Amino acid sequence: MLKLSQTLTGHQNPIYALAPAAHANGFYSAGNDKGVVEWSLGTMGFVKVIVPVQSSVYSLHRYQDLLFIGQRSGSIIVFDLEQQQVIKSLSFHQKGVFDIKTIASKDELLSSGEDGQVAVWSLKDFSLLYNFAVAPTTIRVVAISNDEKEIAFGAKDGLIRIYNAKDFSLITALEHHTMPITSLQYDPSGTYLISGSRDAQLKVWDLPGYSLRQNIPAHLFSIYSIAFHPALPYFATCSQDKSIKLWSSTDFKLLKVLSKDKGIDGHTHSINKMIWTENGKYLISTGDDRSVKIWEFS
């Protein structure tokens, strides 16, 4: 179902972030070597460094023709992909920005990170609209519900906090993980939230009430990314244990393991991030081994 198509090299240090290009034929990567790189899926190769950065990049988020770049310094660069230039630098966070998401229906951008704060920015003029403390420690991941009415924040203290997207009031806190939350996604059907943690467990939370439906001992170490296929009932997870796993999103059965332990040319170090291409043809993964791997789905 997933077969290695290409391994891309060129980064000199660990890679932490990926984002799809505005066109279906490329993507962006960034990490600890202070440059955001554009890659082509047509040529399966390097295109260019689109922007240098002053500190390590922890998060990338594309919205329309804008690429938001969250840095360890706390600064967020706004890069216009059409104009091919930086148009704004957003300053609020005092420490690293670990995740960035958009609430399109409200024309708002959310950022979170090591300071435990969430900043809400206007997508119209990039002004800071609001900020609030969610956790006493790092907020590693943010997920927006399909109807954009709720926001899930995963924190270092092991709690998942659910907020109302309209007024940013706290709805509930989910407490079953025993270690920091490292990945969160609402499933495309809108029936559950799935979380991953440093405790190596996947937990499935039923919607709308967030009752715990299922616990899956999915990996050996931290689960750093969960990515749903854009059209078919599958999702992938990746971990510090150097493996990628493909699962059914309906019954949560394990379908495929991609790792060197299985005789596959997988990653040699922690896998930090994955994304699917918008057409679902490729799964893209990257991590501490400084490589990007393109897995073809069939």
C-alpha atoms as a PDB file:
ATOM      1  CA  MET A   1       0.000   0.000   0.000  1.00  0.00           C
ATOM      2  CA  LEU A   2       2.937   2.312   0.701  1.00  0.00           C
ATOM      3  CA  LYS A   3       6.198   1.885  -1.175  1.00  0.00           C
ATOM      4  CA  LEU A   4       9.313   4.046  -0.984  1.00  0.00           C
ATOM      5  CA  SER A   5       9.566   6.163  -4.114  1.00  0.00           C
ATOM      6  CA  GLN A   6      12.432   8.531  -3.291  1.00  0.00           C
ATOM      7  CA  THR A   7      14.778   9.666  -0.539  1.00  0.00           C
ATOM      8  CA  LEU A   8      15.664  13.361  -0.701  1.00  0.00           C
ATOM      9  CA  THR A   9      18.802  14.669   0.966  1.00  0.00           C
ATOM     10  CA  GLY A  10      20.347  18.087   1.398  1.00  0.00           C
ATOM     11  CA  HIS A  11      19.394  19.257   4.880  1.00  0.00           C
ATOM     12  CA  GLN A  12      22.410  19.348   7.172  1.00  0.00           C
ATOM     13  CA  ASN A  13      20.561  18.943  10.466  1.00  0.00           C
ATOM     14  CA  PRO A  14      17.352  17.366  11.851  1.00  0.00           C
ATOM     15  CA  ILE A  15      14.098  18.334  10.111  1.00  0.00           C
ATOM     16  CA  TYR A  16      11.035  19.172  12.196  1.00  0.00           C
ATOM     17  CA  ALA A  17       8.413  20.607   9.837  1.00  0.00           C
ATOM     18  CA  LEU A  18       6.676  19.933   6.512  1.00  0.00           C
ATOM     19  CA  ALA A  19       3.951  21.751   4.559  1.00  0.00           C
ATOM     20  CA  PRO A  20       2.342  21.077   1.175  1.00  0.00           C
ATOM     21  CA  ALA A  21       2.868  23.587  -1.629  1.00  0.00           C
ATOM     22  CA  ALA A  22      -0.024  25.621  -3.012  1.00  0.00           C
ATOM     23  CA  HIS A  23       0.239  23.472  -6.137  1.00  0.00           C
ATOM     24  CA  ALA A  24      -0.007  19.689  -5.849  1.00  0.00           C
ATOM     25  CA  ASN A  25       3.467  19.163  -7.229  1.00  0.00           C
ATOM     26  CA  GLY A  26       5.646  20.183  -4.323  1.00  0.00           C
ATOM     27  CA  PHE A  27       6.172  20.761  -0.612  1.00  0.00           C
ATOM     28  CA  TYR A  28       8.345  22.596   1.917  1.00  0.00           C
ATOM     29  CA  SER A  29      10.601  21.391   4.715  1.00  0.00           C
ATOM     30  CA  ALA A  30      12.525  23.081   7.505  1.00  0.00           C
ATOM     31  CA  GLY A  31      14.331  22.309  10.726  1.00  0.00           C
ATOM     32  CA  ASN A  32      17.571  22.954  12.512  1.00  0.00           C
ATOM     33  CA  ASP A  33      19.625  24.269   9.576  1.00  0.00           C
ATOM     34  CA  LYS A  34      18.016  27.696   9.305  1.00  0.00           C
ATOM     35  CA  GLY A  35      16.491  27.577   5.839  1.00  0.00           C
ATOM     36  CA  VAL A  36      13.082  26.670   4.418  1.00  0.00           C
ATOM     37  CA  VAL A  37      13.480  24.380   1.396  1.00  0.00           C
ATOM     38  CA  GLU A  38      11.119  23.879  -1.559  1.00  0.00           C
ATOM     39  CA  TRP A  39      11.007  20.424  -3.188  1.00  0.00           C
ATOM     40  CA  SER A  40       9.409  19.211  -6.424  1.00  0.00           C
ATOM     41  CA  LEU A  41       7.366  16.013  -6.591  1.00  0.00           C
ATOM     42  CA  GLY A  42       7.596  16.172 -10.368  1.00  0.00           C
ATOM     43  CA  THR A  43      11.370  15.890 -10.490  1.00  0.00           C
ATOM     44  CA  MET A  44      11.641  14.333  -7.020  1.00  0.00           C
ATOM     45  CA  GLY A  45      14.345  16.836  -6.213  1.00  0.00           C
ATOM     46  CA  PHE A  46      15.492  20.085  -4.630  1.00  0.00           C
ATOM     47  CA  VAL A  47      14.104  23.338  -6.035  1.00  0.00           C
ATOM     48  CA  LYS A  48      15.529  26.098  -3.845  1.00  0.00           C
ATOM     49  CA  VAL A  49      15.856  27.584  -0.387  1.00  0.00           C
ATOM     50  CA  ILE A  50      12.906  29.960  -0.374  1.00  0.00           C
ATOM     51  CA  VAL A  51      13.836  31.919   2.731  1.00  0.00           C
ATOM     52  CA  PRO A  52      16.681  31.928   5.256  1.00  0.00           C
ATOM     53  CA  VAL A  53      15.737  32.093   8.948  1.00  0.00           C
ATOM     54  CA  GLN A  54      17.529  33.298  12.034  1.00  0.00           C
ATOM     55  CA  SER A  55      16.765  30.305  14.244  1.00  0.00           C
ATOM     56  CA  SER A  56      15.573  26.711  13.948  1.00  0.00           C
ATOM     57  CA  VAL A  57      12.111  26.164  12.452  1.00  0.00           C
ATOM     58  CA  TYR A  58       9.701  24.104  14.572  1.00  0.00           C
ATOM     59  CA  SER A  59       6.531  24.538  12.501  1.00  0.00           C
ATOM     60  CA  LEU A  60       5.329  25.272   8.972  1.00  0.00           C
ATOM     61  CA  HIS A  61       1.755  26.033   7.951  1.00  0.00           C
ATOM     62  CA  ARG A  62       0.494  26.969   4.495  1.00  0.00           C
ATOM     63  CA  TYR A  63      -2.787  28.800   4.022  1.00  0.00           C
ATOM     64  CA  GLN A  64      -3.654  29.740   0.440  1.00  0.00           C
ATOM     65  CA  ASP A  65      -0.550  31.521  -0.927  1.00  0.00           C
ATOM     66  CA  LEU A  66       0.957  32.222   2.475  1.00  0.00           C
ATOM     67  CA  LEU A  67       3.523  30.112   4.321  1.00  0.00           C
ATOM     68  CA  PHE A  68       3.800  30.698   8.070  1.00  0.00           C
ATOM     69  CA  ILE A  69       7.154  29.762   9.583  1.00  0.00           C
ATOM     70  CA  GLY A  70       7.348  29.252  13.356  1.00  0.00           C
ATOM     71  CA  GLN A  71      10.816  29.576  14.854  1.00  0.00           C
ATOM     72  CA  ARG A  72      12.580  28.581  18.032  1.00  0.00           C
ATOM     73  CA  SER A  73      13.057  32.297  18.762  1.00  0.00           C
ATOM     74  CA  GLY A  74       9.278  32.772  19.039  1.00  0.00           C
ATOM     75  CA  SER A  75       9.023  34.774  15.827  1.00  0.00           C
ATOM     76  CA  ILE A  76       6.637  33.775  13.011  1.00  0.00           C
ATOM     77  CA  ILE A  77       7.641  34.700   9.458  1.00  0.00           C
ATOM     78  CA  VAL A  78       4.855  35.283   6.925  1.00  0.00           C
ATOM     79  CA  PHE A  79       6.134  34.391   3.447  1.00  0.00           C
ATOM     80  CA  ASP A  80       4.085  35.210   0.348  1.00  0.00           C
ATOM     81  CA  LEU A  81       4.536  32.279  -2.042  1.00  0.00           C
ATOM     82  CA  GLU A  82       3.227  34.219  -5.035  1.00  0.00           C
ATOM     83  CA  GLN A  83       5.423  37.260  -4.480  1.00  0.00           C
ATOM     84  CA  GLN A  84       8.270  35.057  -3.199  1.00  0.00           C
ATOM     85  CA  GLN A  85       9.065  37.404  -0.344  1.00  0.00           C
ATOM     86  CA  VAL A  86       8.627  37.899   3.387  1.00  0.00           C
ATOM     87  CA  ILE A  87       5.710  40.249   3.987  1.00  0.00           C
ATOM     88  CA  LYS A  88       5.480  40.215   7.777  1.00  0.00           C
ATOM     89  CA  SER A  89       7.137  39.003  10.966  1.00  0.00           C
ATOM     90  CA  LEU A  90       4.791  38.258  13.877  1.00  0.00           C
ATOM     91  CA  SER A  91       6.154  38.821  17.375  1.00  0.00           C
ATOM     92  CA  PHE A  92       4.444  37.689  20.566  1.00  0.00           C
ATOM     93  CA  HIS A  93       5.817  34.361  21.777  1.00  0.00           C
ATOM     94  CA  GLN A  94       8.899  34.479  23.957  1.00  0.00           C
ATOM     95  CA  LYS A  95       9.906  30.901  23.199  1.00  0.00           C
ATOM     96  CA  GLY A  96       9.648  28.391  20.341  1.00  0.00           C
ATOM     97  CA  VAL A  97       6.486  28.192  18.199  1.00  0.00           C
ATOM     98  CA  PHE A  98       5.565  24.512  17.896  1.00  0.00           C
ATOM     99  CA  ASP A  99       2.306  24.694  15.943  1.00  0.00           C
ATOM    100  CA  ILE A 100       0.344  27.058  13.704  1.00  0.00           C
ATOM    101  CA  LYS A 101      -3.207  26.570  12.435  1.00  0.00           C
ATOM    102  CA  THR A 102      -5.871  28.632  10.677  1.00  0.00           C
ATOM    103  CA  ILE A 103      -9.578  29.028  11.431  1.00  0.00           C
ATOM    104  CA  ALA A 104     -10.602  29.970   7.898  1.00  0.00           C
ATOM    105  CA  SER A 105     -14.219  30.788   8.782  1.00  0.00           C
ATOM    106  CA  LYS A 106     -13.000  33.464  11.214  1.00  0.00           C
ATOM    107  CA  ASP A 107     -10.007  34.699   9.160  1.00  0.00           C
ATOM    108  CA  GLU A 108      -7.813  33.876  12.132  1.00  0.00           C
ATOM    109  CA  LEU A 109      -4.408  32.303  12.659  1.00  0.00           C
ATOM    110  CA  LEU A 110      -3.519  30.468  15.880  1.00  0.00           C
ATOM    111  CA  SER A 111       0.024  29.936  17.156  1.00  0.00           C
ATOM    112  CA  SER A 112       1.227  28.025  20.200  1.00  0.00           C
ATOM    113  CA  GLY A 113       4.470  26.909  21.702  1.00  0.00           C
ATOM    114  CA  GLU A 114       6.892  26.528  24.507  1.00  0.00           C
ATOM    115  CA  ASP A 115       5.518  29.427  26.555  1.00  0.00           C
ATOM    116  CA  GLY A 116       2.116  27.733  27.061  1.00  0.00           C
ATOM    117  CA  GLN A 117       0.412  30.677  25.377  1.00  0.00           C
ATOM    118  CA  VAL A 118      -1.889  30.792  22.351  1.00  0.00           C
ATOM    119  CA  ALA A 119      -1.859  33.854  20.124  1.00  0.00           C
ATOM    120  CA  VAL A 120      -4.760  34.688  17.801  1.00  0.00           C
ATOM    121  CA  TRP A 121      -3.823  36.736  14.716  1.00  0.00           C
ATOM    122  CA  SER A 122      -5.918  38.398  12.017  1.00  0.00           C
ATOM    123  CA  LEU A 123      -5.389  36.882   8.576  1.00  0.00           C
ATOM    124  CA  LYS A 124      -6.451  40.213   7.070  1.00  0.00           C
ATOM    125  CA  ASP A 125      -3.759  42.467   8.507  1.00  0.00           C
ATOM    126  CA  PHE A 126      -1.737  40.074  10.783  1.00  0.00           C
ATOM    127  CA  SER A 127      -2.551  42.091  13.893  1.00  0.00           C
ATOM    128  CA  LEU A 128      -2.607  40.322  17.260  1.00  0.00           C
ATOM    129  CA  LEU A 129      -6.274  39.965  18.198  1.00  0.00           C
ATOM    130  CA  TYR A 130      -6.063  38.007  21.426  1.00  0.00           C
ATOM    131  CA  ASN A 131      -3.796  35.857  23.535  1.00  0.00           C
ATOM    132  CA  PHE A 132      -4.455  33.493  26.406  1.00  0.00           C
ATOM    133  CA  ALA A 133      -2.616  30.960  28.568  1.00  0.00           C
ATOM    134  CA  VAL A 134      -3.644  27.353  27.920  1.00  0.00           C
ATOM    135  CA  ALA A 135      -1.035  25.394  29.874  1.00  0.00           C
ATOM    136  CA  PRO A 136       1.810  26.042  32.317  1.00  0.00           C
ATOM    137  CA  THR A 137       4.216  24.340  29.912  1.00  0.00           C
ATOM    138  CA  THR A 138       4.716  23.700  26.186  1.00  0.00           C
ATOM    139  CA  ILE A 139       1.710  23.378  23.868  1.00  0.00           C
ATOM    140  CA  ARG A 140       3.125  20.991  21.298  1.00  0.00           C
ATOM    141  CA  VAL A 141       0.148  20.509  18.948  1.00  0.00           C
ATOM    142  CA  VAL A 142      -3.104  22.167  17.892  1.00  0.00           C
ATOM    143  CA  ALA A 143      -6.022  20.574  16.023  1.00  0.00           C
ATOM    144  CA  ILE A 144      -9.102  22.313  14.635  1.00  0.00           C
ATOM    145  CA  SER A 145     -12.400  20.400  14.412  1.00  0.00           C
ATOM    146  CA  ASN A 146     -13.867  19.914  10.941  1.00  0.00           C
ATOM    147  CA  ASP A 147     -16.666  22.416  11.556  1.00  0.00           C
ATOM    148  CA  GLU A 148     -14.112  24.851  13.039  1.00  0.00           C
ATOM    149  CA  LYS A 149     -16.166  25.165  16.229  1.00  0.00           C
ATOM    150  CA  GLU A 150     -13.670  23.531  18.597  1.00  0.00           C
ATOM    151  CA  ILE A 151      -9.911  23.551  19.104  1.00  0.00           C
ATOM    152  CA  ALA A 152      -7.836  20.824  20.751  1.00  0.00           C
ATOM    153  CA  PHE A 153      -4.533  21.760  22.377  1.00  0.00           C
ATOM    154  CA  GLY A 154      -2.021  19.072  23.363  1.00  0.00           C
ATOM    155  CA  ALA A 155       0.394  20.030  26.116  1.00  0.00           C
ATOM    156  CA  LYS A 156       3.545  18.818  27.811  1.00  0.00           C
ATOM    157  CA  ASP A 157       1.613  18.182  31.042  1.00  0.00           C
ATOM    158  CA  GLY A 158      -0.213  15.269  29.357  1.00  0.00           C
ATOM    159  CA  LEU A 159      -3.570  17.030  29.077  1.00  0.00           C
ATOM    160  CA  ILE A 160      -5.624  17.674  25.956  1.00  0.00           C
ATOM    161  CA  ARG A 161      -7.657  20.842  26.437  1.00  0.00           C
ATOM    162  CA  ILE A 162     -10.708  21.460  24.261  1.00  0.00           C
ATOM    163  CA  TYR A 163     -11.693  25.086  23.665  1.00  0.00           C
ATOM    164  CA  ASN A 164     -14.648  26.811  22.007  1.00  0.00           C
ATOM    165  CA  ALA A 165     -13.356  28.438  18.805  1.00  0.00           C
ATOM    166  CA  LYS A 166     -15.902  31.254  18.997  1.00  0.00           C
ATOM    167  CA  ASP A 167     -14.927  32.777  22.341  1.00  0.00           C
ATOM    168  CA  PHE A 168     -11.876  30.654  23.336  1.00  0.00           C
ATOM    169  CA  SER A 169     -13.525  29.358  26.494  1.00  0.00           C
ATOM    170  CA  LEU A 170     -12.425  26.023  27.947  1.00  0.00           C
ATOM    171  CA  ILE A 171     -14.893  23.179  27.303  1.00  0.00           C
ATOM    172  CA  THR A 172     -13.123  20.196  28.860  1.00  0.00           C
ATOM    173  CA  ALA A 173      -9.738  18.614  29.597  1.00  0.00           C
ATOM    174  CA  LEU A 174      -8.875  15.015  28.656  1.00  0.00           C
ATOM    175  CA  GLU A 175      -6.562  13.364  31.174  1.00  0.00           C
ATOM    176  CA  HIS A 176      -5.883   9.754  30.140  1.00  0.00           C
ATOM    177  CA  HIS A 177      -2.371  10.126  28.675  1.00  0.00           C
ATOM    178  CA  THR A 178       0.470   9.713  31.157  1.00  0.00           C
ATOM    179  CA  MET A 179       3.101  11.768  29.302  1.00  0.00           C
ATOM    180  CA  PRO A 180       3.288  14.869  27.039  1.00  0.00           C
ATOM    181  CA  ILE A 181       0.900  15.066  24.071  1.00  0.00           C
ATOM    182  CA  THR A 182       2.881  15.071  20.820  1.00  0.00           C
ATOM    183  CA  SER A 183       0.232  14.631  18.090  1.00  0.00           C
ATOM    184  CA  LEU A 184      -3.470  15.403  17.572  1.00  0.00           C
ATOM    185  CA  GLN A 185      -5.903  15.119  14.647  1.00  0.00           C
ATOM    186  CA  TYR A 186      -9.656  15.225  14.118  1.00  0.00           C
ATOM    187  CA  ASP A 187     -10.644  12.493  11.677  1.00  0.00           C
ATOM    188  CA  PRO A 188     -12.098  13.591   8.298  1.00  0.00           C
ATOM    189  CA  SER A 189     -15.510  12.075   9.064  1.00  0.00           C
ATOM    190  CA  GLY A 190     -15.838  14.268  12.149  1.00  0.00           C
ATOM    191  CA  THR A 191     -16.635  11.373  14.489  1.00  0.00           C
ATOM    192  CA  TYR A 192     -13.522  11.297  16.671  1.00  0.00           C
ATOM    193  CA  LEU A 193     -10.325  12.994  17.799  1.00  0.00           C
ATOM    194  CA  ILE A 194      -7.150  10.900  17.897  1.00  0.00           C
ATOM    195  CA  SER A 195      -4.143  11.723  20.070  1.00  0.00           C
ATOM    196  CA  GLY A 196      -0.589  10.469  20.386  1.00  0.00           C
ATOM    197  CA  SER A 197       1.853  10.943  23.220  1.00  0.00           C
ATOM    198  CA  ARG A 198       5.325  10.296  24.553  1.00  0.00           C
ATOM    199  CA  ASP A 199       3.682   7.351  26.298  1.00  0.00           C
ATOM    200  CA  ALA A 200       3.598   5.683  22.812  1.00  0.00           C
ATOM    201  CA  GLN A 201      -0.197   5.278  23.013  1.00  0.00           C
ATOM    202  CA  LEU A 202      -2.860   6.337  20.541  1.00  0.00           C
ATOM    203  CA  LYS A 203      -6.176   7.300  22.117  1.00  0.00           C
ATOM    204  CA  VAL A 204      -9.449   7.675  20.224  1.00  0.00           C
ATOM    205  CA  TRP A 205     -11.973  10.160  21.643  1.00  0.00           C
ATOM    206  CA  ASP A 206     -15.597   9.991  20.472  1.00  0.00           C
ATOM    207  CA  LEU A 207     -17.307  13.194  19.362  1.00  0.00           C
ATOM    208  CA  PRO A 208     -19.078  15.276  20.383  1.00  0.00           C
ATOM    209  CA  GLY A 209     -18.560  14.332  24.029  1.00  0.00           C
ATOM    210  CA  TYR A 210     -14.864  13.308  23.945  1.00  0.00           C
ATOM    211  CA  SER A 211     -15.446  10.038  25.781  1.00  0.00           C
ATOM    212  CA  LEU A 212     -12.507   7.644  25.425  1.00  0.00           C
ATOM    213  CA  ARG A 213     -13.418   5.020  22.823  1.00  0.00           C
ATOM    214  CA  GLN A 214     -10.177   3.119  22.426  1.00  0.00           C
ATOM    215  CA  ASN A 215      -6.558   2.938  23.528  1.00  0.00           C
ATOM    216  CA  ILE A 216      -3.984   1.547  21.085  1.00  0.00           C
ATOM    217  CA  PRO A 217      -0.411   0.654  22.155  1.00  0.00           C
ATOM    218  CA  ALA A 218       0.818   1.886  18.790  1.00  0.00           C
ATOM    219  CA  HIS A 219       4.586   2.465  19.034  1.00  0.00           C
ATOM    220  CA  LEU A 220       7.594   1.941  21.294  1.00  0.00           C
ATOM    221  CA  PHE A 221       8.336   5.638  21.875  1.00  0.00           C
ATOM    222  CA  SER A 222       6.812   9.082  21.266  1.00  0.00           C
ATOM    223  CA  ILE A 223       4.232   9.411  18.457  1.00  0.00           C
ATOM    224  CA  TYR A 224       5.165  12.637  16.718  1.00  0.00           C
ATOM    225  CA  SER A 225       2.687  12.853  13.851  1.00  0.00           C
ATOM    226  CA  ILE A 226      -0.742  11.550  12.822  1.00  0.00           C
ATOM    227  CA  ALA A 227      -1.821  12.079   9.209  1.00  0.00           C
ATOM    228  CA  PHE A 228      -5.154  11.069   7.682  1.00  0.00           C
ATOM    229  CA  HIS A 229      -5.335  10.151   4.007  1.00  0.00           C
ATOM    230  CA  PRO A 230      -7.296  12.952   2.280  1.00  0.00           C
ATOM    231  CA  ALA A 231      -9.822  10.636   0.596  1.00  0.00           C
ATOM    232  CA  LEU A 232      -9.535   7.041   1.809  1.00  0.00           C
ATOM    233  CA  PRO A 233     -10.143   5.466   5.266  1.00  0.00           C
ATOM    234  CA  TYR A 234      -6.522   5.300   6.403  1.00  0.00           C
ATOM    235  CA  PHE A 235      -4.187   7.226   8.649  1.00  0.00           C
ATOM    236  CA  ALA A 236      -0.453   7.056   9.252  1.00  0.00           C
ATOM    237  CA  THR A 237       1.533   7.521  12.448  1.00  0.00           C
ATOM    238  CA  CYS A 238       5.259   8.054  12.936  1.00  0.00           C
ATOM    239  CA  SER A 239       7.423   7.821  15.976  1.00  0.00           C
ATOM    240  CA  GLN A 240      10.710   8.338  17.727  1.00  0.00           C
ATOM    241  CA  ASP A 241      11.024   4.548  17.317  1.00  0.00           C
ATOM    242  CA  LYS A 242      11.955   5.176  13.613  1.00  0.00           C
ATOM    243  CA  SER A 243       8.814   3.540  12.203  1.00  0.00           C
ATOM    244  CA  ILE A 244       5.808   4.637  10.173  1.00  0.00           C
ATOM    245  CA  LYS A 245       2.589   2.689  10.602  1.00  0.00           C
ATOM    246  CA  LEU A 246      -0.495   2.683   8.396  1.00  0.00           C
ATOM    247  CA  TRP A 247      -3.859   2.064  10.071  1.00  0.00           C
ATOM    248  CA  SER A 248      -7.500   1.674   9.120  1.00  0.00           C
ATOM    249  CA  SER A 249      -9.390   4.777  10.243  1.00  0.00           C
ATOM    250  CA  THR A 250     -12.607   2.788  10.706  1.00  0.00           C
ATOM    251  CA  ASP A 251     -11.562  -0.176  12.881  1.00  0.00           C
ATOM    252  CA  PHE A 252      -7.998   0.930  13.817  1.00  0.00           C
ATOM    253  CA  LYS A 253      -6.370  -2.248  12.541  1.00  0.00           C
ATOM    254  CA  LEU A 254      -2.659  -2.044  11.764  1.00  0.00           C
ATOM    255  CA  LEU A 255      -2.156  -2.529   8.019  1.00  0.00           C
ATOM    256  CA  LYS A 256       1.520  -1.794   7.313  1.00  0.00           C
ATOM    257  CA  VAL A 257       4.790  -1.087   9.127  1.00  0.00           C
ATOM    258  CA  LEU A 258       7.546   0.837   7.352  1.00  0.00           C
ATOM    259  CA  SER A 259      10.856   0.455   9.149  1.00  0.00           C
ATOM    260  CA  LYS A 260      14.336  -0.954   8.758  1.00  0.00           C
ATOM    261  CA  ASP A 261      13.341  -3.697  11.205  1.00  0.00           C
ATOM    262  CA  LYS A 262      10.916  -4.893   8.500  1.00  0.00           C
ATOM    263  CA  GLY A 263      13.591  -4.870   5.786  1.00  0.00           C
ATOM    264  CA  ILE A 264      12.384  -1.567   4.325  1.00  0.00           C
ATOM    265  CA  ASP A 265      14.663   1.390   3.571  1.00  0.00           C
ATOM    266  CA  GLY A 266      13.081   3.504   6.295  1.00  0.00           C
ATOM    267  CA  HIS A 267      14.369   6.291   8.484  1.00  0.00           C
ATOM    268  CA  THR A 268      17.405   5.685  10.687  1.00  0.00           C
ATOM    269  CA  HIS A 269      16.452   8.123  13.457  1.00  0.00           C
ATOM    270  CA  SER A 270      13.354   9.660  15.023  1.00  0.00           C
ATOM    271  CA  ILE A 271      10.602  10.536  12.513  1.00  0.00           C
ATOM    272  CA  ASN A 272       9.286  13.967  13.399  1.00  0.00           C
ATOM    273  CA  LYS A 273       6.661  14.871  10.812  1.00  0.00           C
ATOM    274  CA  MET A 274       4.485  13.479   8.003  1.00  0.00           C
ATOM    275  CA  ILE A 275       2.030  14.945   5.495  1.00  0.00           C
ATOM    276  CA  TRP A 276      -0.052  13.508   2.667  1.00  0.00           C
ATOM    277  CA  THR A 277      -0.142  15.255  -0.673  1.00  0.00           C
ATOM    278  CA  GLU A 278      -3.567  16.729  -1.395  1.00  0.00           C
ATOM    279  CA  ASN A 279      -4.277  14.086  -4.055  1.00  0.00           C
ATOM    280  CA  GLY A 280      -3.337  11.301  -1.635  1.00  0.00           C
ATOM    281  CA  LYS A 281      -0.710   9.876  -3.983  1.00  0.00           C
ATOM    282  CA  TYR A 282       2.245  10.357  -1.648  1.00  0.00           C
ATOM    283  CA  LEU A 283       2.986  10.266   2.057  1.00  0.00           C
ATOM    284  CA  ILE A 284       5.993  12.452   2.913  1.00  0.00           C
ATOM    285  CA  SER A 285       8.034  11.849   6.077  1.00  0.00           C
ATOM    286  CA  THR A 286      11.074  13.427   7.670  1.00  0.00           C
ATOM    287  CA  GLY A 287      13.064  13.491  10.878  1.00  0.00           C
ATOM    288  CA  ASP A 288      16.352  13.500  12.713  1.00  0.00           C
ATOM    289  CA  ASP A 289      18.220  11.581   9.984  1.00  0.00           C
ATOM    290  CA  ARG A 290      18.063  14.782   7.848  1.00  0.00           C
ATOM    291  CA  SER A 291      16.337  13.000   4.971  1.00  0.00           C
ATOM    292  CA  VAL A 292      12.888  13.360   3.423  1.00  0.00           C
ATOM    293  CA  LYS A 293      11.238  10.170   2.205  1.00  0.00           C
ATOM    294  CA  ILE A 294       8.483  10.023  -0.392  1.00  0.00           C
ATOM    295  CA  TRP A 295       6.198   7.006  -0.047  1.00  0.00           C
ATOM    296  CA  GLU A 296       3.878   6.224  -2.959  1.00  0.00           C
ATOM    297  CA  PHE A 297       0.394   5.043  -2.030  1.00  0.00           C
ATOM    298  CA  SER A 298      -1.409   2.500  -4.217  1.00  0.00           C
END
